[in-house]
Amino acid sequence: MIFQKIWSYLTFKKEKNSKSNFNLKMMHGMNKISLFMFLIAMVVMMFKFCK
């Protein structure tokens, strides 16, 4: 059981008995926004330092 949970975390798969609620959806949305902002910042830094 513990190994299934660890494997689901590593492979980003949902567990069979896990429910998706509003807080979890909002957390994933915020993570997507922060990842997008991070990628934009990395591109800006690359352009700034490569001049």
PDB file of N, CA and C in Angstrom:
ATOM      1  N   MET A   1       0.828  -1.200   0.000  1.00  0.00           N
ATOM      2  CA  MET A   1       0.000   0.000   0.000  1.00  0.00           C
ATOM      3  C   MET A   1       0.869   1.260   0.000  1.00  0.00           C
ATOM      4  N   ILE A   2       1.886   1.271   0.841  1.00  0.00           N
ATOM      5  CA  ILE A   2       2.770   2.449   0.922  1.00  0.00           C
ATOM      6  C   ILE A   2       3.523   2.620  -0.393  1.00  0.00           C
ATOM      7  N   PHE A   3       3.957   1.510  -0.995  1.00  0.00           N
ATOM      8  CA  PHE A   3       4.696   1.610  -2.248  1.00  0.00           C
ATOM      9  C   PHE A   3       3.806   2.094  -3.382  1.00  0.00           C
ATOM     10  N   GLN A   4       2.523   1.726  -3.360  1.00  0.00           N
ATOM     11  CA  GLN A   4       1.586   2.223  -4.366  1.00  0.00           C
ATOM     12  C   GLN A   4       1.418   3.725  -4.240  1.00  0.00           C
ATOM     13  N   LYS A   5       1.367   4.219  -3.015  1.00  0.00           N
ATOM     14  CA  LYS A   5       1.224   5.661  -2.785  1.00  0.00           C
ATOM     15  C   LYS A   5       2.466   6.400  -3.276  1.00  0.00           C
ATOM     16  N   ILE A   6       3.640   5.891  -2.950  1.00  0.00           N
ATOM     17  CA  ILE A   6       4.893   6.517  -3.396  1.00  0.00           C
ATOM     18  C   ILE A   6       4.977   6.483  -4.914  1.00  0.00           C
ATOM     19  N   TRP A   7       4.614   5.346  -5.520  1.00  0.00           N
ATOM     20  CA  TRP A   7       4.657   5.242  -6.976  1.00  0.00           C
ATOM     21  C   TRP A   7       3.690   6.226  -7.631  1.00  0.00           C
ATOM     22  N   SER A   8       2.506   6.419  -7.032  1.00  0.00           N
ATOM     23  CA  SER A   8       1.545   7.364  -7.602  1.00  0.00           C
ATOM     24  C   SER A   8       2.063   8.801  -7.486  1.00  0.00           C
ATOM     25  N   TYR A   9       2.800   9.121  -6.415  1.00  0.00           N
ATOM     26  CA  TYR A   9       3.396  10.448  -6.302  1.00  0.00           C
ATOM     27  C   TYR A   9       4.483  10.653  -7.351  1.00  0.00           C
ATOM     28  N   LEU A  10       5.286   9.634  -7.601  1.00  0.00           N
ATOM     29  CA  LEU A  10       6.385   9.748  -8.547  1.00  0.00           C
ATOM     30  C   LEU A  10       5.910   9.801  -9.995  1.00  0.00           C
ATOM     31  N   THR A  11       4.822   9.113 -10.288  1.00  0.00           N
ATOM     32  CA  THR A  11       4.334   9.063 -11.665  1.00  0.00           C
ATOM     33  C   THR A  11       3.191  10.036 -11.910  1.00  0.00           C
ATOM     34  N   PHE A  12       2.812  10.817 -10.919  1.00  0.00           N
ATOM     35  CA  PHE A  12       1.743  11.822 -11.007  1.00  0.00           C
ATOM     36  C   PHE A  12       0.398  11.208 -11.386  1.00  0.00           C
ATOM     37  N   LYS A  13       0.156   9.984 -10.925  1.00  0.00           N
ATOM     38  CA  LYS A  13      -1.132   9.341 -11.179  1.00  0.00           C
ATOM     39  C   LYS A  13      -2.001   9.468  -9.933  1.00  0.00           C
ATOM     40  N   LYS A  14      -3.310   9.567 -10.155  1.00  0.00           N
ATOM     41  CA  LYS A  14      -4.229   9.639  -9.034  1.00  0.00           C
ATOM     42  C   LYS A  14      -4.432   8.248  -8.446  1.00  0.00           C
ATOM     43  N   GLU A  15      -4.684   8.205  -7.159  1.00  0.00           N
ATOM     44  CA  GLU A  15      -5.047   6.946  -6.542  1.00  0.00           C
ATOM     45  C   GLU A  15      -6.498   6.642  -6.872  1.00  0.00           C
ATOM     46  N   LYS A  16      -6.874   5.387  -6.750  1.00  0.00           N
ATOM     47  CA  LYS A  16      -8.223   4.987  -7.119  1.00  0.00           C
ATOM     48  C   LYS A  16      -9.267   5.544  -6.167  1.00  0.00           C
ATOM     49  N   ASN A  17      -8.923   5.654  -4.891  1.00  0.00           N
ATOM     50  CA  ASN A  17      -9.913   6.095  -3.911  1.00  0.00           C
ATOM     51  C   ASN A  17      -9.782   7.569  -3.546  1.00  0.00           C
ATOM     52  N   SER A  18      -8.939   8.309  -4.248  1.00  0.00           N
ATOM     53  CA  SER A  18      -8.765   9.717  -3.906  1.00  0.00           C
ATOM     54  C   SER A  18      -9.840  10.566  -4.581  1.00  0.00           C
ATOM     55  N   LYS A  19     -10.375  11.505  -3.837  1.00  0.00           N
ATOM     56  CA  LYS A  19     -11.393  12.404  -4.364  1.00  0.00           C
ATOM     57  C   LYS A  19     -10.737  13.733  -4.722  1.00  0.00           C
ATOM     58  N   SER A  20     -11.225  14.345  -5.778  1.00  0.00           N
ATOM     59  CA  SER A  20     -10.711  15.643  -6.181  1.00  0.00           C
ATOM     60  C   SER A  20     -11.647  16.714  -5.619  1.00  0.00           C
ATOM     61  N   ASN A  21     -11.106  17.592  -4.798  1.00  0.00           N
ATOM     62  CA  ASN A  21     -11.950  18.640  -4.233  1.00  0.00           C
ATOM     63  C   ASN A  21     -11.481  20.015  -4.716  1.00  0.00           C
ATOM     64  N   PHE A  22     -12.196  21.032  -4.314  1.00  0.00           N
ATOM     65  CA  PHE A  22     -11.943  22.395  -4.775  1.00  0.00           C
ATOM     66  C   PHE A  22     -10.543  22.867  -4.395  1.00  0.00           C
ATOM     67  N   ASN A  23     -10.125  22.594  -3.164  1.00  0.00           N
ATOM     68  CA  ASN A  23      -8.803  23.047  -2.713  1.00  0.00           C
ATOM     69  C   ASN A  23      -7.685  22.418  -3.527  1.00  0.00           C
ATOM     70  N   LEU A  24      -7.828  21.154  -3.856  1.00  0.00           N
ATOM     71  CA  LEU A  24      -6.810  20.477  -4.654  1.00  0.00           C
ATOM     72  C   LEU A  24      -6.744  21.059  -6.058  1.00  0.00           C
ATOM     73  N   LYS A  25      -7.894  21.364  -6.654  1.00  0.00           N
ATOM     74  CA  LYS A  25      -7.922  21.970  -7.982  1.00  0.00           C
ATOM     75  C   LYS A  25      -7.273  23.348  -7.962  1.00  0.00           C
ATOM     76  N   MET A  26      -7.531  24.135  -6.925  1.00  0.00           N
ATOM     77  CA  MET A  26      -6.933  25.462  -6.818  1.00  0.00           C
ATOM     78  C   MET A  26      -5.423  25.360  -6.625  1.00  0.00           C
ATOM     79  N   MET A  27      -4.969  24.383  -5.846  1.00  0.00           N
ATOM     80  CA  MET A  27      -3.540  24.192  -5.624  1.00  0.00           C
ATOM     81  C   MET A  27      -2.848  23.862  -6.946  1.00  0.00           C
ATOM     82  N   HIS A  28      -3.439  22.984  -7.746  1.00  0.00           N
ATOM     83  CA  HIS A  28      -2.841  22.641  -9.031  1.00  0.00           C
ATOM     84  C   HIS A  28      -2.844  23.837  -9.973  1.00  0.00           C
ATOM     85  N   GLY A  29      -3.892  24.649  -9.918  1.00  0.00           N
ATOM     86  CA  GLY A  29      -3.932  25.851 -10.738  1.00  0.00           C
ATOM     87  C   GLY A  29      -2.841  26.831 -10.356  1.00  0.00           C
ATOM     88  N   MET A  30      -2.637  27.020  -9.058  1.00  0.00           N
ATOM     89  CA  MET A  30      -1.575  27.923  -8.600  1.00  0.00           C
ATOM     90  C   MET A  30      -0.203  27.383  -8.978  1.00  0.00           C
ATOM     91  N   ASN A  31      -0.020  26.069  -8.918  1.00  0.00           N
ATOM     92  CA  ASN A  31       1.256  25.481  -9.311  1.00  0.00           C
ATOM     93  C   ASN A  31       1.527  25.709 -10.794  1.00  0.00           C
ATOM     94  N   LYS A  32       0.496  25.601 -11.630  1.00  0.00           N
ATOM     95  CA  LYS A  32       0.675  25.845 -13.068  1.00  0.00           C
ATOM     96  C   LYS A  32       1.058  27.296 -13.319  1.00  0.00           C
ATOM     97  N   ILE A  33       0.411  28.220 -12.613  1.00  0.00           N
ATOM     98  CA  ILE A  33       0.725  29.640 -12.776  1.00  0.00           C
ATOM     99  C   ILE A  33       2.151  29.925 -12.342  1.00  0.00           C
ATOM    100  N   SER A  34       2.569  29.370 -11.199  1.00  0.00           N
ATOM    101  CA  SER A  34       3.926  29.637 -10.710  1.00  0.00           C
ATOM    102  C   SER A  34       4.976  29.020 -11.627  1.00  0.00           C
ATOM    103  N   LEU A  35       4.697  27.852 -12.187  1.00  0.00           N
ATOM    104  CA  LEU A  35       5.639  27.240 -13.123  1.00  0.00           C
ATOM    105  C   LEU A  35       5.757  28.078 -14.382  1.00  0.00           C
ATOM    106  N   PHE A  36       4.640  28.592 -14.882  1.00  0.00           N
ATOM    107  CA  PHE A  36       4.650  29.444 -16.062  1.00  0.00           C
ATOM    108  C   PHE A  36       5.435  30.727 -15.798  1.00  0.00           C
ATOM    109  N   MET A  37       5.239  31.344 -14.630  1.00  0.00           N
ATOM    110  CA  MET A  37       5.979  32.562 -14.287  1.00  0.00           C
ATOM    111  C   MET A  37       7.473  32.275 -14.154  1.00  0.00           C
ATOM    112  N   PHE A  38       7.825  31.125 -13.597  1.00  0.00           N
ATOM    113  CA  PHE A  38       9.230  30.743 -13.463  1.00  0.00           C
ATOM    114  C   PHE A  38       9.881  30.602 -14.832  1.00  0.00           C
ATOM    115  N   LEU A  39       9.184  29.961 -15.764  1.00  0.00           N
ATOM    116  CA  LEU A  39       9.745  29.789 -17.105  1.00  0.00           C
ATOM    117  C   LEU A  39       9.922  31.128 -17.813  1.00  0.00           C
ATOM    118  N   ILE A  40       8.964  32.026 -17.642  1.00  0.00           N
ATOM    119  CA  ILE A  40       9.098  33.364 -18.227  1.00  0.00           C
ATOM    120  C   ILE A  40      10.300  34.094 -17.623  1.00  0.00           C
ATOM    121  N   ALA A  41      10.468  33.990 -16.311  1.00  0.00           N
ATOM    122  CA  ALA A  41      11.601  34.644 -15.652  1.00  0.00           C
ATOM    123  C   ALA A  41      12.934  34.068 -16.137  1.00  0.00           C
ATOM    124  N   MET A  42      12.983  32.763 -16.356  1.00  0.00           N
ATOM    125  CA  MET A  42      14.223  32.156 -16.855  1.00  0.00           C
ATOM    126  C   MET A  42      14.548  32.656 -18.259  1.00  0.00           C
ATOM    127  N   VAL A  43      13.551  32.815 -19.111  1.00  0.00           N
ATOM    128  CA  VAL A  43      13.781  33.321 -20.467  1.00  0.00           C
ATOM    129  C   VAL A  43      14.263  34.764 -20.403  1.00  0.00           C
ATOM    130  N   VAL A  44      13.647  35.579 -19.550  1.00  0.00           N
ATOM    131  CA  VAL A  44      14.063  36.979 -19.413  1.00  0.00           C
ATOM    132  C   VAL A  44      15.491  37.058 -18.910  1.00  0.00           C
ATOM    133  N   MET A  45      15.837  36.219 -17.923  1.00  0.00           N
ATOM    134  CA  MET A  45      17.209  36.231 -17.406  1.00  0.00           C
ATOM    135  C   MET A  45      18.216  35.796 -18.464  1.00  0.00           C
ATOM    136  N   MET A  46      17.842  34.822 -19.282  1.00  0.00           N
ATOM    137  CA  MET A  46      18.752  34.382 -20.342  1.00  0.00           C
ATOM    138  C   MET A  46      19.008  35.506 -21.331  1.00  0.00           C
ATOM    139  N   PHE A  47      17.965  36.240 -21.718  1.00  0.00           N
ATOM    140  CA  PHE A  47      18.154  37.352 -22.636  1.00  0.00           C
ATOM    141  C   PHE A  47      18.968  38.463 -21.995  1.00  0.00           C
ATOM    142  N   LYS A  48      18.749  38.697 -20.708  1.00  0.00           N
ATOM    143  CA  LYS A  48      19.451  39.772 -20.029  1.00  0.00           C
ATOM    144  C   LYS A  48      20.938  39.476 -19.886  1.00  0.00           C
ATOM    145  N   PHE A  49      21.296  38.236 -19.562  1.00  0.00           N
ATOM    146  CA  PHE A  49      22.700  37.883 -19.351  1.00  0.00           C
ATOM    147  C   PHE A  49      23.458  37.561 -20.633  1.00  0.00           C
ATOM    148  N   CYS A  50      22.748  37.310 -21.710  1.00  0.00           N
ATOM    149  CA  CYS A  50      23.414  36.967 -22.976  1.00  0.00           C
ATOM    150  C   CYS A  50      23.663  38.177 -23.868  1.00  0.00           C
ATOM    151  N   LYS A  51      23.361  39.358 -23.408  1.00  0.00           N
ATOM    152  CA  LYS A  51      23.605  40.559 -24.213  1.00  0.00           C
ATOM    153  C   LYS A  51      25.062  40.835 -24.379  1.00  0.00           C
TER     154      LYS A  51
END
